[in-house]
Structure formats: C-alpha cells, structure tokens
Amino acid sequence: MDAYERITRNAAEVVTEEEVETLAEDPDGKRAYVGYEPSGVLHIGHLLTANKLIDLQQCGFEVVVLLADVHASLNDKGTFEEIRDTAEQMKEQFLAYGLEEANTEFVLGSSYQLDEDYELDLHSLQVGTTLKRAQRAMAELQGDDTAKVSHVVYPLMQALDIEYLDVDLAVGGMDQRKVHMLAREELPELGYDAPTCLHTPIVGDLETGEGKMSSSTGTTISMEDSTAELEEKVNAAFCPPTADPEGDLVNPVLEIFRYHVFPRFDEVVVERPDEYGGDLVYGSYDALEADLESGELHPADAKSALAASLDELIAPGRERLRELRG
C-alpha cells in the first residue's frame, strides 16, 4: 500500500484529491490534525478518526491533537479546571490506543486561542462571515436547545484553528465537513491558504443500523466498556447477512470491521467449533464481507469475532482509565 492509498483508505471524502496526492508524494514531516472537545471517555467516534491519525503517522505525518478547552467552555461543559482535567485523561487514552507519543503533539486550545493575533483574526472572520453562513456550519443542536451566540462563534474558531496549528491536513468526521468548507471559503479572505481536508465516515447506529452511532443516545462502544459489556452490546447489534440492507439502513457490524478492526489487525480469526466448519481466518475486510453475504459466515460468529477484536483494541485504554481513576 503506497502513501496515497494509506492516507485515503476508508475516507468518505478528501478535498481535494489533487491536494492530497501532493501531500502523499512527500508526507514526511507534514502535519495533520483533529480537534476534540474534551468530553470524557473516548468512544467509537473518537477512535475512528484516531485510526486515521495512526494511518497518517505510519506514512510519516506528525499528528496534532487539539484538545479544545475553549470550545468546551463555549458549550458550557464545565469550569476550565474540570475541562482541562478531562483533556488530560483523553490524552492518556489516545496514547494507550496507539498514537505514537513521539510524533503526537497535544495542544490545549487556550494555549493560543486567547492570544491577540488569534482574537483579531476571529473578529475579522466575524465581520466577513454572514450569520446565515456561520449557522450552516454549526453542529446540530441537541433536543430543544436554542442557538446562542457562542454556537455561531464555535465554527469560526474551528476554521481558524487550522491556520494557527500550522497543519497541512485537517481531519474530521463527515459531520465536520461544513466547518472545513467554511474554512476553505473564508481563510483565504484573511490571507491564509485554503486547508486540505479528509473526512472519515459516520458509523450507523449499533442497534438499528440507522443514522449514526451516538454517545448521547442509544448504544455506543466506549473505552471504559468491560469485556462482558462489549460482548453484550455487539451480540445485540443489528447484523443482517448483507452489507447492503434494504432502505437507508447499514450493517454496523460490518462497518466496525471495515473502519476499526481491519486497519489495525493483519488478520481476523473467527473461532468456530469443528462441527460448524472450524475457524475462519480473514486477511481482508472484503473477504469477510463476501463470506457473510454467501452464508459461509454466520452473523453470530461475526459478532463474536468483532467483540474479541474490539476488546483487544480498547483494553490498553480501559486499563489506563482505571489507573487514572485510582
């Protein structure tokens, strides 16, 4: 697999392909970033973008992880002391999950977002961006929340972060696409380059295959799940014997194999008793998907292998959380 293939594998979108191809020609020393609002325990959404950061490190990129304490404050997530304690815990979880400490820079947003130059640029963005345009880039509000001024400032800061972190590639889930497009439109107005962007997919809801997996509703998988909890959640997951269920549904079990397991393991072993055909060994996602489609691989056996793989992936982070909590 060459650098371009590794950088773009499992990406839902790159903007633009030509720009990413240029980065792939000489990736050593290039910088990529993802921003996370400190929110507690890492869940499967965090880990999907972390998998991409690991891909980028393997290509020679330096990785910047923004722990956005000011953003969290704008979202009313606690005092700065509480938010920064959470940020430190998240840092330890990312390292336990597999980010290379020597090639990962963890940055608190408050280390530069309160500086005069940043504030003046933010004011310039506020002057140059219509309220309607900023609202289009806002994250969806939960429940009956009413938009506040801070919610509109939030995406403008996200756009400006890309310049101030001095990165070559901005990474995020597809839910960050509107912010990245805002950055590509507005940063050149301040004299800065339009950022190159890579967007990872959103995994479907584990129980239903609808929409996206959420840490606030329904069932999600997190780094604090025990082995037994993981098995219970995965065994209850929606897993029809196809990668393409009818309607707008997806198969979340296959999605997790594709986006989480196979990028991190050379092979996956599905353990089965001899009377049911014995173990199956897969060196690629496509082979596992094909066997599920053909009936060679039963959904229950796929779930069992998925739970075991996820348990191996999150075990170091789970243990680090226990140490941090005493």
C-alpha atoms as a PDB file:
ATOM      1  CA  MET A   1       0.000   0.000   0.000  1.00  0.00           C
ATOM      2  CA  ASP A   2       1.524   3.323  -1.052  1.00  0.00           C
ATOM      3  CA  ALA A   3       1.216   6.554   0.930  1.00  0.00           C
ATOM      4  CA  TYR A   4      -1.796   7.865  -1.002  1.00  0.00           C
ATOM      5  CA  GLU A   5      -3.688   4.595  -0.536  1.00  0.00           C
ATOM      6  CA  ARG A   6      -2.974   4.533   3.194  1.00  0.00           C
ATOM      7  CA  ILE A   7      -3.853   8.208   3.674  1.00  0.00           C
ATOM      8  CA  THR A   8      -7.178   7.857   1.863  1.00  0.00           C
ATOM      9  CA  ARG A   9      -8.266   4.320   2.785  1.00  0.00           C
ATOM     10  CA  ASN A  10     -11.684   4.266   4.394  1.00  0.00           C
ATOM     11  CA  ALA A  11     -12.068   8.012   3.846  1.00  0.00           C
ATOM     12  CA  ALA A  12     -15.556   9.186   2.944  1.00  0.00           C
ATOM     13  CA  GLU A  13     -14.134  12.236   1.148  1.00  0.00           C
ATOM     14  CA  VAL A  14     -10.898  14.112   0.514  1.00  0.00           C
ATOM     15  CA  VAL A  15     -10.857  17.772  -0.512  1.00  0.00           C
ATOM     16  CA  THR A  16      -9.239  17.819  -2.901  1.00  0.00           C
ATOM     17  CA  GLU A  17      -7.765  14.645  -4.390  1.00  0.00           C
ATOM     18  CA  GLU A  18      -5.048  16.647  -6.130  1.00  0.00           C
ATOM     19  CA  GLU A  19      -4.006  18.318  -2.892  1.00  0.00           C
ATOM     20  CA  VAL A  20      -3.866  15.003  -1.029  1.00  0.00           C
ATOM     21  CA  GLU A  21      -1.864  13.447  -3.858  1.00  0.00           C
ATOM     22  CA  THR A  22       0.689  16.245  -3.451  1.00  0.00           C
ATOM     23  CA  LEU A  23       0.942  15.567   0.287  1.00  0.00           C
ATOM     24  CA  ALA A  24       1.342  11.850  -0.391  1.00  0.00           C
ATOM     25  CA  GLU A  25       4.309  12.473  -2.674  1.00  0.00           C
ATOM     26  CA  ASP A  26       6.365  13.689   0.320  1.00  0.00           C
ATOM     27  CA  PRO A  27       4.477  13.008   3.578  1.00  0.00           C
ATOM     28  CA  ASP A  28       7.455  13.008   5.957  1.00  0.00           C
ATOM     29  CA  GLY A  29       7.176  15.892   8.375  1.00  0.00           C
ATOM     30  CA  LYS A  30       3.765  17.025   7.150  1.00  0.00           C
ATOM     31  CA  ARG A  31       1.279  17.846   9.897  1.00  0.00           C
ATOM     32  CA  ALA A  32      -2.304  16.582  10.269  1.00  0.00           C
ATOM     33  CA  TYR A  33      -4.765  17.474  12.984  1.00  0.00           C
ATOM     34  CA  VAL A  34      -8.064  16.518  14.550  1.00  0.00           C
ATOM     35  CA  GLY A  35      -9.857  18.618  17.140  1.00  0.00           C
ATOM     36  CA  TYR A  36     -11.755  17.068  20.022  1.00  0.00           C
ATOM     37  CA  GLU A  37     -13.851  18.828  22.626  1.00  0.00           C
ATOM     38  CA  PRO A  38     -12.793  17.321  25.977  1.00  0.00           C
ATOM     39  CA  SER A  39     -15.829  15.290  26.927  1.00  0.00           C
ATOM     40  CA  GLY A  40     -14.650  12.312  28.960  1.00  0.00           C
ATOM     41  CA  VAL A  41     -14.164   8.731  27.874  1.00  0.00           C
ATOM     42  CA  LEU A  42     -13.222   8.042  24.255  1.00  0.00           C
ATOM     43  CA  HIS A  43     -15.935   6.347  22.246  1.00  0.00           C
ATOM     44  CA  ILE A  44     -16.008   4.703  18.850  1.00  0.00           C
ATOM     45  CA  GLY A  45     -16.431   8.024  17.050  1.00  0.00           C
ATOM     46  CA  HIS A  46     -13.175   9.348  18.529  1.00  0.00           C
ATOM     47  CA  LEU A  47     -11.449   6.093  17.674  1.00  0.00           C
ATOM     48  CA  LEU A  48     -12.445   6.199  14.012  1.00  0.00           C
ATOM     49  CA  THR A  49     -10.568   9.459  13.475  1.00  0.00           C
ATOM     50  CA  ALA A  50      -7.764   8.156  15.709  1.00  0.00           C
ATOM     51  CA  ASN A  51      -7.390   5.201  13.333  1.00  0.00           C
ATOM     52  CA  LYS A  52      -6.847   7.678  10.521  1.00  0.00           C
ATOM     53  CA  LEU A  53      -4.258   9.560  12.592  1.00  0.00           C
ATOM     54  CA  ILE A  54      -2.410   6.254  13.087  1.00  0.00           C
ATOM     55  CA  ASP A  55      -2.511   5.717   9.298  1.00  0.00           C
ATOM     56  CA  LEU A  56      -1.028   9.177   8.809  1.00  0.00           C
ATOM     57  CA  GLN A  57       1.726   8.580  11.358  1.00  0.00           C
ATOM     58  CA  GLN A  58       2.653   5.381   9.550  1.00  0.00           C
ATOM     59  CA  CYS A  59       3.060   7.483   6.396  1.00  0.00           C
ATOM     60  CA  GLY A  60       5.400   9.913   8.151  1.00  0.00           C
ATOM     61  CA  PHE A  61       2.983  12.640   9.226  1.00  0.00           C
ATOM     62  CA  GLU A  62       3.279  14.457  12.514  1.00  0.00           C
ATOM     63  CA  VAL A  63      -0.080  14.481  14.282  1.00  0.00           C
ATOM     64  CA  VAL A  64      -1.618  17.350  16.225  1.00  0.00           C
ATOM     65  CA  VAL A  65      -4.498  16.595  18.584  1.00  0.00           C
ATOM     66  CA  LEU A  66      -6.352  19.732  19.588  1.00  0.00           C
ATOM     67  CA  LEU A  67      -7.996  19.333  22.989  1.00  0.00           C
ATOM     68  CA  ALA A  68     -10.399  22.209  22.589  1.00  0.00           C
ATOM     69  CA  ASP A  69     -10.939  23.501  26.109  1.00  0.00           C
ATOM     70  CA  VAL A  70     -12.194  26.930  24.995  1.00  0.00           C
ATOM     71  CA  HIS A  71     -14.697  25.283  22.657  1.00  0.00           C
ATOM     72  CA  ALA A  72     -15.873  23.081  25.545  1.00  0.00           C
ATOM     73  CA  SER A  73     -16.314  26.184  27.682  1.00  0.00           C
ATOM     74  CA  LEU A  74     -18.386  27.802  24.930  1.00  0.00           C
ATOM     75  CA  ASN A  75     -20.511  24.646  25.015  1.00  0.00           C
ATOM     76  CA  ASP A  76     -20.945  25.012  28.781  1.00  0.00           C
ATOM     77  CA  LYS A  77     -19.110  21.762  29.587  1.00  0.00           C
ATOM     78  CA  GLY A  78     -17.780  22.863  32.980  1.00  0.00           C
ATOM     79  CA  THR A  79     -15.083  25.032  34.501  1.00  0.00           C
ATOM     80  CA  PHE A  80     -11.731  25.343  32.776  1.00  0.00           C
ATOM     81  CA  GLU A  81     -10.161  23.279  35.552  1.00  0.00           C
ATOM     82  CA  GLU A  82     -12.696  20.484  35.035  1.00  0.00           C
ATOM     83  CA  ILE A  83     -12.345  20.627  31.252  1.00  0.00           C
ATOM     84  CA  ARG A  84      -8.547  20.510  31.386  1.00  0.00           C
ATOM     85  CA  ASP A  85      -8.610  17.532  33.747  1.00  0.00           C
ATOM     86  CA  THR A  86     -10.822  15.769  31.211  1.00  0.00           C
ATOM     87  CA  ALA A  87      -8.457  16.781  28.395  1.00  0.00           C
ATOM     88  CA  GLU A  88      -5.510  15.193  30.219  1.00  0.00           C
ATOM     89  CA  GLN A  89      -7.457  11.954  30.636  1.00  0.00           C
ATOM     90  CA  MET A  90      -8.315  11.949  26.931  1.00  0.00           C
ATOM     91  CA  LYS A  91      -4.649  12.458  26.047  1.00  0.00           C
ATOM     92  CA  GLU A  92      -3.697   9.377  28.044  1.00  0.00           C
ATOM     93  CA  GLN A  93      -6.445   7.345  26.376  1.00  0.00           C
ATOM     94  CA  PHE A  94      -5.306   8.335  22.865  1.00  0.00           C
ATOM     95  CA  LEU A  95      -1.747   7.275  23.653  1.00  0.00           C
ATOM     96  CA  ALA A  96      -2.940   3.985  25.118  1.00  0.00           C
ATOM     97  CA  TYR A  97      -4.998   3.386  21.979  1.00  0.00           C
ATOM     98  CA  GLY A  98      -1.942   3.578  19.757  1.00  0.00           C
ATOM     99  CA  LEU A  99      -0.948   7.117  18.813  1.00  0.00           C
ATOM    100  CA  GLU A 100       2.847   7.454  18.831  1.00  0.00           C
ATOM    101  CA  GLU A 101       3.765   9.797  21.656  1.00  0.00           C
ATOM    102  CA  ALA A 102       6.954  10.981  19.917  1.00  0.00           C
ATOM    103  CA  ASN A 103       5.001  12.040  16.822  1.00  0.00           C
ATOM    104  CA  THR A 104       1.879  13.423  18.511  1.00  0.00           C
ATOM    105  CA  GLU A 105       1.525  16.986  19.758  1.00  0.00           C
ATOM    106  CA  PHE A 106      -1.345  17.547  22.157  1.00  0.00           C
ATOM    107  CA  VAL A 107      -2.454  21.180  22.230  1.00  0.00           C
ATOM    108  CA  LEU A 108      -4.932  22.929  24.512  1.00  0.00           C
ATOM    109  CA  GLY A 109      -6.947  25.483  22.586  1.00  0.00           C
ATOM    110  CA  SER A 110      -6.429  28.049  25.329  1.00  0.00           C
ATOM    111  CA  SER A 111      -2.670  27.959  24.674  1.00  0.00           C
ATOM    112  CA  TYR A 112      -3.201  30.156  21.590  1.00  0.00           C
ATOM    113  CA  GLN A 113      -6.913  30.986  21.212  1.00  0.00           C
ATOM    114  CA  LEU A 114      -6.711  33.768  23.811  1.00  0.00           C
ATOM    115  CA  ASP A 115      -3.760  35.490  22.124  1.00  0.00           C
ATOM    116  CA  GLU A 116      -4.230  38.886  20.499  1.00  0.00           C
ATOM    117  CA  ASP A 117      -3.479  37.793  16.921  1.00  0.00           C
ATOM    118  CA  TYR A 118      -5.978  34.943  17.112  1.00  0.00           C
ATOM    119  CA  GLU A 119      -8.648  37.170  18.634  1.00  0.00           C
ATOM    120  CA  LEU A 120      -8.164  39.816  15.954  1.00  0.00           C
ATOM    121  CA  ASP A 121      -8.379  37.213  13.197  1.00  0.00           C
ATOM    122  CA  LEU A 122     -11.500  35.804  14.826  1.00  0.00           C
ATOM    123  CA  HIS A 123     -13.054  39.271  14.815  1.00  0.00           C
ATOM    124  CA  SER A 124     -12.162  39.604  11.131  1.00  0.00           C
ATOM    125  CA  LEU A 125     -13.919  36.304  10.435  1.00  0.00           C
ATOM    126  CA  GLN A 126     -16.945  37.501  12.370  1.00  0.00           C
ATOM    127  CA  VAL A 127     -17.068  40.674  10.271  1.00  0.00           C
ATOM    128  CA  GLY A 128     -16.583  38.823   6.984  1.00  0.00           C
ATOM    129  CA  THR A 129     -18.942  35.878   7.576  1.00  0.00           C
ATOM    130  CA  THR A 130     -22.701  36.222   7.364  1.00  0.00           C
ATOM    131  CA  LEU A 131     -24.784  34.915  10.228  1.00  0.00           C
ATOM    132  CA  LYS A 132     -26.551  32.567   7.815  1.00  0.00           C
ATOM    133  CA  ARG A 133     -23.225  31.135   6.608  1.00  0.00           C
ATOM    134  CA  ALA A 134     -21.949  30.577  10.154  1.00  0.00           C
ATOM    135  CA  GLN A 135     -25.223  28.907  11.145  1.00  0.00           C
ATOM    136  CA  ARG A 136     -24.893  26.441   8.265  1.00  0.00           C
ATOM    137  CA  ALA A 137     -21.574  25.290   9.733  1.00  0.00           C
ATOM    138  CA  MET A 138     -22.898  24.846  13.268  1.00  0.00           C
ATOM    139  CA  ALA A 139     -23.179  21.386  14.726  1.00  0.00           C
ATOM    140  CA  GLU A 140     -26.750  20.216  15.080  1.00  0.00           C
ATOM    141  CA  LEU A 141     -28.256  21.357  18.352  1.00  0.00           C
ATOM    142  CA  GLN A 142     -29.468  18.604  20.656  1.00  0.00           C
ATOM    143  CA  GLY A 143     -33.101  18.407  21.711  1.00  0.00           C
ATOM    144  CA  ASP A 144     -34.818  21.750  22.200  1.00  0.00           C
ATOM    145  CA  ASP A 145     -31.661  23.808  22.698  1.00  0.00           C
ATOM    146  CA  THR A 146     -31.793  27.335  21.390  1.00  0.00           C
ATOM    147  CA  ALA A 147     -28.828  28.624  19.402  1.00  0.00           C
ATOM    148  CA  LYS A 148     -26.612  31.021  21.322  1.00  0.00           C
ATOM    149  CA  VAL A 149     -24.027  33.478  20.049  1.00  0.00           C
ATOM    150  CA  SER A 150     -21.310  31.072  21.238  1.00  0.00           C
ATOM    151  CA  HIS A 151     -22.681  28.371  18.930  1.00  0.00           C
ATOM    152  CA  VAL A 152     -22.075  30.624  15.930  1.00  0.00           C
ATOM    153  CA  VAL A 153     -18.583  31.638  17.073  1.00  0.00           C
ATOM    154  CA  TYR A 154     -17.653  27.969  17.605  1.00  0.00           C
ATOM    155  CA  PRO A 155     -17.323  27.004  13.887  1.00  0.00           C
ATOM    156  CA  LEU A 156     -15.430  30.211  13.111  1.00  0.00           C
ATOM    157  CA  MET A 157     -12.869  29.229  15.744  1.00  0.00           C
ATOM    158  CA  GLN A 158     -12.688  25.702  14.303  1.00  0.00           C
ATOM    159  CA  ALA A 159     -11.867  27.183  10.899  1.00  0.00           C
ATOM    160  CA  LEU A 160      -9.215  29.485  12.333  1.00  0.00           C
ATOM    161  CA  ASP A 161      -7.626  26.675  14.369  1.00  0.00           C
ATOM    162  CA  ILE A 162      -6.478  25.022  11.149  1.00  0.00           C
ATOM    163  CA  GLU A 163      -4.248  28.002  10.335  1.00  0.00           C
ATOM    164  CA  TYR A 164      -2.944  28.595  13.849  1.00  0.00           C
ATOM    165  CA  LEU A 165      -1.980  24.953  14.352  1.00  0.00           C
ATOM    166  CA  ASP A 166       0.140  25.172  11.175  1.00  0.00           C
ATOM    167  CA  VAL A 167      -1.149  21.923   9.717  1.00  0.00           C
ATOM    168  CA  ASP A 168      -1.141  20.550   6.189  1.00  0.00           C
ATOM    169  CA  LEU A 169      -4.222  18.357   6.543  1.00  0.00           C
ATOM    170  CA  ALA A 170      -7.412  18.810   8.569  1.00  0.00           C
ATOM    171  CA  VAL A 171      -9.073  15.520   9.526  1.00  0.00           C
ATOM    172  CA  GLY A 172     -12.572  15.023  10.870  1.00  0.00           C
ATOM    173  CA  GLY A 173     -15.756  13.026  10.521  1.00  0.00           C
ATOM    174  CA  MET A 174     -18.258  13.893   7.824  1.00  0.00           C
ATOM    175  CA  ASP A 175     -20.072  15.920  10.478  1.00  0.00           C
ATOM    176  CA  GLN A 176     -17.120  18.363  10.302  1.00  0.00           C
ATOM    177  CA  ARG A 177     -17.416  18.847   6.541  1.00  0.00           C
ATOM    178  CA  LYS A 178     -19.402  22.104   6.783  1.00  0.00           C
ATOM    179  CA  VAL A 179     -16.793  23.625   9.082  1.00  0.00           C
ATOM    180  CA  HIS A 180     -13.974  22.615   6.758  1.00  0.00           C
ATOM    181  CA  MET A 181     -15.790  24.089   3.749  1.00  0.00           C
ATOM    182  CA  LEU A 182     -16.252  27.300   5.726  1.00  0.00           C
ATOM    183  CA  ALA A 183     -12.503  27.315   6.353  1.00  0.00           C
ATOM    184  CA  ARG A 184     -11.743  26.783   2.665  1.00  0.00           C
ATOM    185  CA  GLU A 185     -14.016  29.686   1.753  1.00  0.00           C
ATOM    186  CA  GLU A 186     -13.129  32.183   4.469  1.00  0.00           C
ATOM    187  CA  LEU A 187      -9.458  31.676   5.423  1.00  0.00           C
ATOM    188  CA  PRO A 188      -8.173  32.954   2.047  1.00  0.00           C
ATOM    189  CA  GLU A 189     -10.020  36.215   2.798  1.00  0.00           C
ATOM    190  CA  LEU A 190      -7.612  36.646   5.719  1.00  0.00           C
ATOM    191  CA  GLY A 191      -4.612  35.894   3.514  1.00  0.00           C
ATOM    192  CA  TYR A 192      -4.282  32.243   4.564  1.00  0.00           C
ATOM    193  CA  ASP A 193      -4.290  29.102   2.419  1.00  0.00           C
ATOM    194  CA  ALA A 194      -7.448  27.058   1.961  1.00  0.00           C
ATOM    195  CA  PRO A 195      -6.933  23.868   4.014  1.00  0.00           C
ATOM    196  CA  THR A 196      -6.734  20.367   2.584  1.00  0.00           C
ATOM    197  CA  CYS A 197      -9.309  18.154   4.288  1.00  0.00           C
ATOM    198  CA  LEU A 198     -10.042  14.468   4.854  1.00  0.00           C
ATOM    199  CA  HIS A 199     -13.362  13.229   6.187  1.00  0.00           C
ATOM    200  CA  THR A 200     -13.995   9.872   7.808  1.00  0.00           C
ATOM    201  CA  PRO A 201     -17.383   8.083   7.628  1.00  0.00           C
ATOM    202  CA  ILE A 202     -20.039   8.059  10.323  1.00  0.00           C
ATOM    203  CA  VAL A 203     -20.844   4.551  11.626  1.00  0.00           C
ATOM    204  CA  GLY A 204     -24.521   3.603  11.782  1.00  0.00           C
ATOM    205  CA  ASP A 205     -26.456   3.078  14.990  1.00  0.00           C
ATOM    206  CA  LEU A 206     -25.377  -0.194  16.559  1.00  0.00           C
ATOM    207  CA  GLU A 207     -28.864  -1.424  17.452  1.00  0.00           C
ATOM    208  CA  THR A 208     -30.825  -0.371  14.373  1.00  0.00           C
ATOM    209  CA  GLY A 209     -28.403   0.368  11.535  1.00  0.00           C
ATOM    210  CA  GLU A 210     -29.987   3.807  11.179  1.00  0.00           C
ATOM    211  CA  GLY A 211     -28.352   7.209  11.232  1.00  0.00           C
ATOM    212  CA  LYS A 212     -25.160   7.320  13.234  1.00  0.00           C
ATOM    213  CA  MET A 213     -23.859   5.809  16.436  1.00  0.00           C
ATOM    214  CA  SER A 214     -24.144   8.363  19.236  1.00  0.00           C
ATOM    215  CA  SER A 215     -22.561   8.666  22.650  1.00  0.00           C
ATOM    216  CA  SER A 216     -25.602  10.577  23.933  1.00  0.00           C
ATOM    217  CA  THR A 217     -28.431   8.332  22.697  1.00  0.00           C
ATOM    218  CA  GLY A 218     -28.804   4.634  22.038  1.00  0.00           C
ATOM    219  CA  THR A 219     -25.910   2.221  22.372  1.00  0.00           C
ATOM    220  CA  THR A 220     -22.308   3.133  21.738  1.00  0.00           C
ATOM    221  CA  ILE A 221     -18.960   1.489  22.377  1.00  0.00           C
ATOM    222  CA  SER A 222     -16.517   3.276  24.618  1.00  0.00           C
ATOM    223  CA  MET A 223     -13.095   2.765  26.104  1.00  0.00           C
ATOM    224  CA  GLU A 224     -14.497   2.052  29.562  1.00  0.00           C
ATOM    225  CA  ASP A 225     -16.591  -0.926  28.405  1.00  0.00           C
ATOM    226  CA  SER A 226     -15.645  -4.196  30.051  1.00  0.00           C
ATOM    227  CA  THR A 227     -15.197  -7.378  28.040  1.00  0.00           C
ATOM    228  CA  ALA A 228     -18.645  -8.539  29.138  1.00  0.00           C
ATOM    229  CA  GLU A 229     -20.247  -5.202  28.243  1.00  0.00           C
ATOM    230  CA  LEU A 230     -18.645  -5.255  24.816  1.00  0.00           C
ATOM    231  CA  GLU A 231     -19.913  -8.773  24.167  1.00  0.00           C
ATOM    232  CA  GLU A 232     -23.419  -7.811  25.276  1.00  0.00           C
ATOM    233  CA  LYS A 233     -23.519  -4.721  23.064  1.00  0.00           C
ATOM    234  CA  VAL A 234     -22.105  -6.428  19.983  1.00  0.00           C
ATOM    235  CA  ASN A 235     -24.273  -9.527  20.381  1.00  0.00           C
ATOM    236  CA  ALA A 236     -27.346  -7.276  20.403  1.00  0.00           C
ATOM    237  CA  ALA A 237     -26.207  -5.351  17.319  1.00  0.00           C
ATOM    238  CA  PHE A 238     -28.103  -5.177  14.043  1.00  0.00           C
ATOM    239  CA  CYS A 239     -26.325  -7.546  11.645  1.00  0.00           C
ATOM    240  CA  PRO A 240     -28.275  -8.805   8.651  1.00  0.00           C
ATOM    241  CA  PRO A 241     -26.369 -11.230   6.394  1.00  0.00           C
ATOM    242  CA  THR A 242     -25.565  -8.461   3.902  1.00  0.00           C
ATOM    243  CA  ALA A 243     -23.526  -5.278   3.592  1.00  0.00           C
ATOM    244  CA  ASP A 244     -26.438  -3.552   1.883  1.00  0.00           C
ATOM    245  CA  PRO A 245     -29.663  -3.872   3.890  1.00  0.00           C
ATOM    246  CA  GLU A 246     -32.901  -2.625   2.381  1.00  0.00           C
ATOM    247  CA  GLY A 247     -33.864   1.012   2.785  1.00  0.00           C
ATOM    248  CA  ASP A 248     -31.458   3.533   4.265  1.00  0.00           C
ATOM    249  CA  LEU A 249     -30.001   1.075   6.765  1.00  0.00           C
ATOM    250  CA  VAL A 250     -26.378   0.000   7.078  1.00  0.00           C
ATOM    251  CA  ASN A 251     -24.779  -3.017   8.713  1.00  0.00           C
ATOM    252  CA  PRO A 252     -22.925  -1.501  11.699  1.00  0.00           C
ATOM    253  CA  VAL A 253     -21.110  -4.763  12.494  1.00  0.00           C
ATOM    254  CA  LEU A 254     -19.530  -4.791   9.040  1.00  0.00           C
ATOM    255  CA  GLU A 255     -18.805  -1.060   9.273  1.00  0.00           C
ATOM    256  CA  ILE A 256     -16.882  -1.555  12.503  1.00  0.00           C
ATOM    257  CA  PHE A 257     -14.925  -4.416  10.962  1.00  0.00           C
ATOM    258  CA  ARG A 258     -14.101  -2.198   7.989  1.00  0.00           C
ATOM    259  CA  TYR A 259     -13.234   1.064   9.756  1.00  0.00           C
ATOM    260  CA  HIS A 260     -11.897  -0.133  13.103  1.00  0.00           C
ATOM    261  CA  VAL A 261     -10.696  -3.722  13.012  1.00  0.00           C
ATOM    262  CA  PHE A 262      -9.005  -4.375   9.675  1.00  0.00           C
ATOM    263  CA  PRO A 263      -6.989  -1.131   9.727  1.00  0.00           C
ATOM    264  CA  ARG A 264      -5.419  -2.330  12.987  1.00  0.00           C
ATOM    265  CA  PHE A 265      -5.052  -6.106  12.514  1.00  0.00           C
ATOM    266  CA  ASP A 266      -3.272  -8.093   9.802  1.00  0.00           C
ATOM    267  CA  GLU A 267      -5.893 -10.822  10.094  1.00  0.00           C
ATOM    268  CA  VAL A 268      -9.085 -11.639  11.938  1.00  0.00           C
ATOM    269  CA  VAL A 269      -9.791 -15.146  13.249  1.00  0.00           C
ATOM    270  CA  VAL A 270     -13.402 -16.245  13.632  1.00  0.00           C
ATOM    271  CA  GLU A 271     -13.374 -19.133  16.078  1.00  0.00           C
ATOM    272  CA  ARG A 272     -15.886 -21.897  15.374  1.00  0.00           C
ATOM    273  CA  PRO A 273     -16.252 -25.493  16.629  1.00  0.00           C
ATOM    274  CA  ASP A 274     -15.097 -28.186  14.225  1.00  0.00           C
ATOM    275  CA  GLU A 275     -18.671 -29.386  13.755  1.00  0.00           C
ATOM    276  CA  TYR A 276     -19.524 -25.992  12.295  1.00  0.00           C
ATOM    277  CA  GLY A 277     -16.573 -25.907   9.909  1.00  0.00           C
ATOM    278  CA  GLY A 278     -13.747 -24.855  12.201  1.00  0.00           C
ATOM    279  CA  ASP A 279     -12.038 -21.473  12.419  1.00  0.00           C
ATOM    280  CA  LEU A 280     -12.143 -18.928   9.605  1.00  0.00           C
ATOM    281  CA  VAL A 281      -9.188 -16.608   9.003  1.00  0.00           C
ATOM    282  CA  TYR A 282      -9.579 -13.330   7.121  1.00  0.00           C
ATOM    283  CA  GLY A 283      -6.780 -11.164   5.842  1.00  0.00           C
ATOM    284  CA  SER A 284      -9.071  -8.503   4.421  1.00  0.00           C
ATOM    285  CA  TYR A 285     -12.420  -6.894   5.064  1.00  0.00           C
ATOM    286  CA  ASP A 286     -13.670  -7.767   1.568  1.00  0.00           C
ATOM    287  CA  ALA A 287     -13.192 -11.492   2.216  1.00  0.00           C
ATOM    288  CA  LEU A 288     -15.142 -11.328   5.475  1.00  0.00           C
ATOM    289  CA  GLU A 289     -17.962  -9.363   3.842  1.00  0.00           C
ATOM    290  CA  ALA A 290     -18.153 -11.851   0.972  1.00  0.00           C
ATOM    291  CA  ASP A 291     -18.454 -14.792   3.371  1.00  0.00           C
ATOM    292  CA  LEU A 292     -21.226 -13.068   5.322  1.00  0.00           C
ATOM    293  CA  GLU A 293     -23.087 -12.426   2.051  1.00  0.00           C
ATOM    294  CA  SER A 294     -22.669 -16.037   0.895  1.00  0.00           C
ATOM    295  CA  GLY A 295     -23.740 -17.547   4.211  1.00  0.00           C
ATOM    296  CA  GLU A 296     -20.345 -19.102   4.948  1.00  0.00           C
ATOM    297  CA  LEU A 297     -20.013 -16.722   7.910  1.00  0.00           C
ATOM    298  CA  HIS A 298     -22.969 -16.604  10.285  1.00  0.00           C
ATOM    299  CA  PRO A 299     -23.801 -13.182  11.798  1.00  0.00           C
ATOM    300  CA  ALA A 300     -23.461 -14.619  15.312  1.00  0.00           C
ATOM    301  CA  ASP A 301     -19.904 -15.797  14.571  1.00  0.00           C
ATOM    302  CA  ALA A 302     -19.074 -12.414  13.014  1.00  0.00           C
ATOM    303  CA  LYS A 303     -20.298 -10.669  16.172  1.00  0.00           C
ATOM    304  CA  SER A 304     -18.223 -12.935  18.395  1.00  0.00           C
ATOM    305  CA  ALA A 305     -15.059 -12.141  16.425  1.00  0.00           C
ATOM    306  CA  LEU A 306     -15.898  -8.424  16.414  1.00  0.00           C
ATOM    307  CA  ALA A 307     -16.338  -8.306  20.187  1.00  0.00           C
ATOM    308  CA  ALA A 308     -12.983 -10.044  20.693  1.00  0.00           C
ATOM    309  CA  SER A 309     -11.216  -7.674  18.303  1.00  0.00           C
ATOM    310  CA  LEU A 310     -12.705  -4.560  19.888  1.00  0.00           C
ATOM    311  CA  ASP A 311     -11.808  -5.836  23.336  1.00  0.00           C
ATOM    312  CA  GLU A 312      -8.179  -6.201  22.266  1.00  0.00           C
ATOM    313  CA  LEU A 313      -8.166  -2.696  20.784  1.00  0.00           C
ATOM    314  CA  ILE A 314      -9.576  -0.873  23.781  1.00  0.00           C
ATOM    315  CA  ALA A 315      -8.032  -2.972  26.579  1.00  0.00           C
ATOM    316  CA  PRO A 316      -4.936  -0.717  26.977  1.00  0.00           C
ATOM    317  CA  GLY A 317      -7.116   2.388  27.201  1.00  0.00           C
ATOM    318  CA  ARG A 318      -9.501   0.710  29.621  1.00  0.00           C
ATOM    319  CA  GLU A 319      -6.577  -0.162  31.880  1.00  0.00           C
ATOM    320  CA  ARG A 320      -5.192   3.389  31.643  1.00  0.00           C
ATOM    321  CA  LEU A 321      -8.564   4.770  32.704  1.00  0.00           C
ATOM    322  CA  ARG A 322      -8.551   2.516  35.751  1.00  0.00           C
ATOM    323  CA  GLU A 323      -5.083   3.766  36.687  1.00  0.00           C
ATOM    324  CA  LEU A 324      -6.118   7.405  36.284  1.00  0.00           C
ATOM    325  CA  ARG A 325      -9.194   6.892  38.429  1.00  0.00           C
ATOM    326  CA  GLY A 326      -7.203   5.126  41.121  1.00  0.00           C
END
